[in-house]
Protein backbone atom coordinates (compact mmCIF):
# COMPACT_ATOMS: atom_id res chain seq x y z
CA MET A 1 118.65 154.14 53.51
CA PRO A 2 118.18 156.53 55.89
CA VAL A 3 116.77 154.92 59.31
CA ILE A 4 115.37 157.13 61.62
CA ILE A 5 114.03 155.39 65.18
CA GLY A 6 111.11 157.14 67.26
CA GLN A 7 110.20 157.60 70.59
CA ILE A 8 106.11 155.73 70.55
CA ASN A 9 104.84 158.89 72.02
CA GLU A 10 107.44 161.45 69.95
CA PRO A 11 104.91 164.10 67.94
CA VAL A 12 105.13 163.71 64.40
CA ASP A 13 106.33 166.67 64.05
CA ASP A 14 109.99 165.94 65.91
CA VAL A 15 110.31 162.73 63.94
CA MET A 16 109.43 164.17 60.14
CA GLY A 17 112.29 167.31 61.13
CA LEU A 18 114.65 164.03 60.74
CA VAL A 19 113.17 163.07 57.73
CA SER A 20 113.73 166.13 56.78
CA VAL A 21 116.83 166.06 56.45
CA HIS A 22 118.22 163.21 54.42
CA ASN A 23 115.78 164.48 51.34
CA CYS A 24 115.21 161.35 50.74
CA PRO A 25 112.84 157.96 51.60
CA VAL A 26 113.22 157.14 55.33
CA LEU A 27 112.43 153.87 56.90
CA VAL A 28 111.11 155.46 60.32
CA ALA A 29 110.89 152.52 63.38
CA ILE A 30 108.97 152.18 66.46
CA LEU A 31 109.07 149.90 69.05
CA ASP A 32 105.61 149.37 70.75
CA ASN A 33 105.41 149.68 74.43
CA GLN A 34 105.30 146.30 75.40
CA GLY A 35 108.68 145.91 73.55
CA GLU A 36 107.20 143.11 71.38
CA ARG A 37 106.84 144.57 67.77
CA LEU A 38 109.36 146.87 65.73
CA ARG A 39 107.32 148.19 63.95
CA PHE A 40 108.08 149.98 60.55
CA ILE A 41 106.72 153.17 58.48
CA HIS A 42 108.63 154.21 54.81
CA VAL A 43 108.27 157.75 54.10
CA SER A 44 108.94 159.25 50.51
CA PRO A 45 110.24 162.73 50.71
CA PRO A 46 107.25 165.32 50.18
CA ASN A 47 106.56 165.90 46.83
CA ASP A 48 104.89 168.71 44.73
CA ALA A 49 102.94 166.36 42.24
CA LEU A 50 100.30 164.78 45.14
CA GLU A 51 97.93 166.56 46.30
CA ILE A 52 98.34 169.13 49.12
CA VAL A 53 96.71 167.50 52.24
CA GLU A 54 95.39 168.82 55.89
CA GLU A 55 98.80 168.85 58.24
CA THR A 56 98.76 166.35 60.49
CA PRO A 57 98.54 168.49 64.02
CA ALA A 58 101.91 169.31 65.53
CA HIS A 59 100.56 167.44 68.65
CA HIS A 60 100.11 163.90 67.39
CA PRO A 61 102.64 160.85 68.40
CA ILE A 62 104.12 159.31 66.11
CA CYS A 63 101.94 155.45 66.92
CA SER A 64 99.15 157.42 65.19
CA LEU A 65 101.05 157.35 62.18
CA PHE A 66 102.05 154.55 62.27
CA GLU A 67 97.79 153.31 63.40
CA LEU A 68 96.82 155.21 60.51
CA ALA A 69 99.42 153.82 57.85
CA GLU A 70 98.67 150.15 59.33
CA GLU A 71 95.03 150.59 58.78
CA HIS A 72 95.21 151.94 55.17
CA GLY A 73 98.57 150.14 53.58
CA MET A 74 99.68 153.63 52.55
CA LEU A 75 98.49 157.39 53.89
CA GLU A 76 99.08 160.56 52.67
CA PHE A 77 100.63 163.11 54.84
CA ARG A 78 101.62 166.42 55.22
CA VAL A 79 103.35 168.31 58.81
CA ARG A 80 103.80 171.69 59.09
CA TYR A 81 106.87 172.93 56.86
CA TRP A 82 105.93 170.84 54.19
CA ALA A 83 104.40 172.84 51.60
CA HIS A 84 104.23 169.04 50.40
CA THR A 85 101.66 165.89 50.79
CA ALA A 86 104.31 163.00 51.07
CA VAL A 87 103.36 158.90 51.44
CA ALA A 88 103.67 156.37 54.25
CA ASN A 89 103.59 153.07 53.38
CA ALA A 90 102.97 150.39 56.21
CA LEU A 91 105.63 148.15 56.21
CA PRO A 92 104.86 144.53 58.69
CA ASP A 93 106.67 144.87 61.58
CA PHE A 94 108.80 142.90 63.30
CA THR A 95 108.50 140.40 66.09
CA PRO A 96 111.25 138.70 67.43
CA LYS A 97 110.52 134.79 68.80
CA GLU A 98 111.46 133.32 71.93
CA GLN A 99 114.32 131.18 70.66
CA VAL A 100 115.70 131.20 67.63
CA GLN A 101 117.75 128.41 66.04
CA MET A 102 121.01 128.96 63.70
CA THR A 103 122.01 126.59 62.00
CA MET A 104 125.23 127.05 60.00
CA LEU A 105 125.77 125.39 56.80
CA ARG A 106 129.31 123.52 55.87
CA ARG A 107 130.78 123.36 52.83
């Protein structure tokens, strides 16, 4: 599955332009301002079976899409150059621990 890494304030249209290139489900990731959380959404390709929703304003940053998806768990959205609606599913974010112990098992 392709992974798109966006900047927190990058316009939604720019990130979804990269999603469009793949024409399949994509993981979109951003790193929050403090660099402590790696956040993910799973984005479906636009689907003509879904009800067409209003366009997301072009100037909205990608972090706003993440916030809405995290608030609702799942979000239907559309960007200006998509004729159909897509779905963004929020995934649990990744917060690295300060110290990670790794143990190797020997047989």
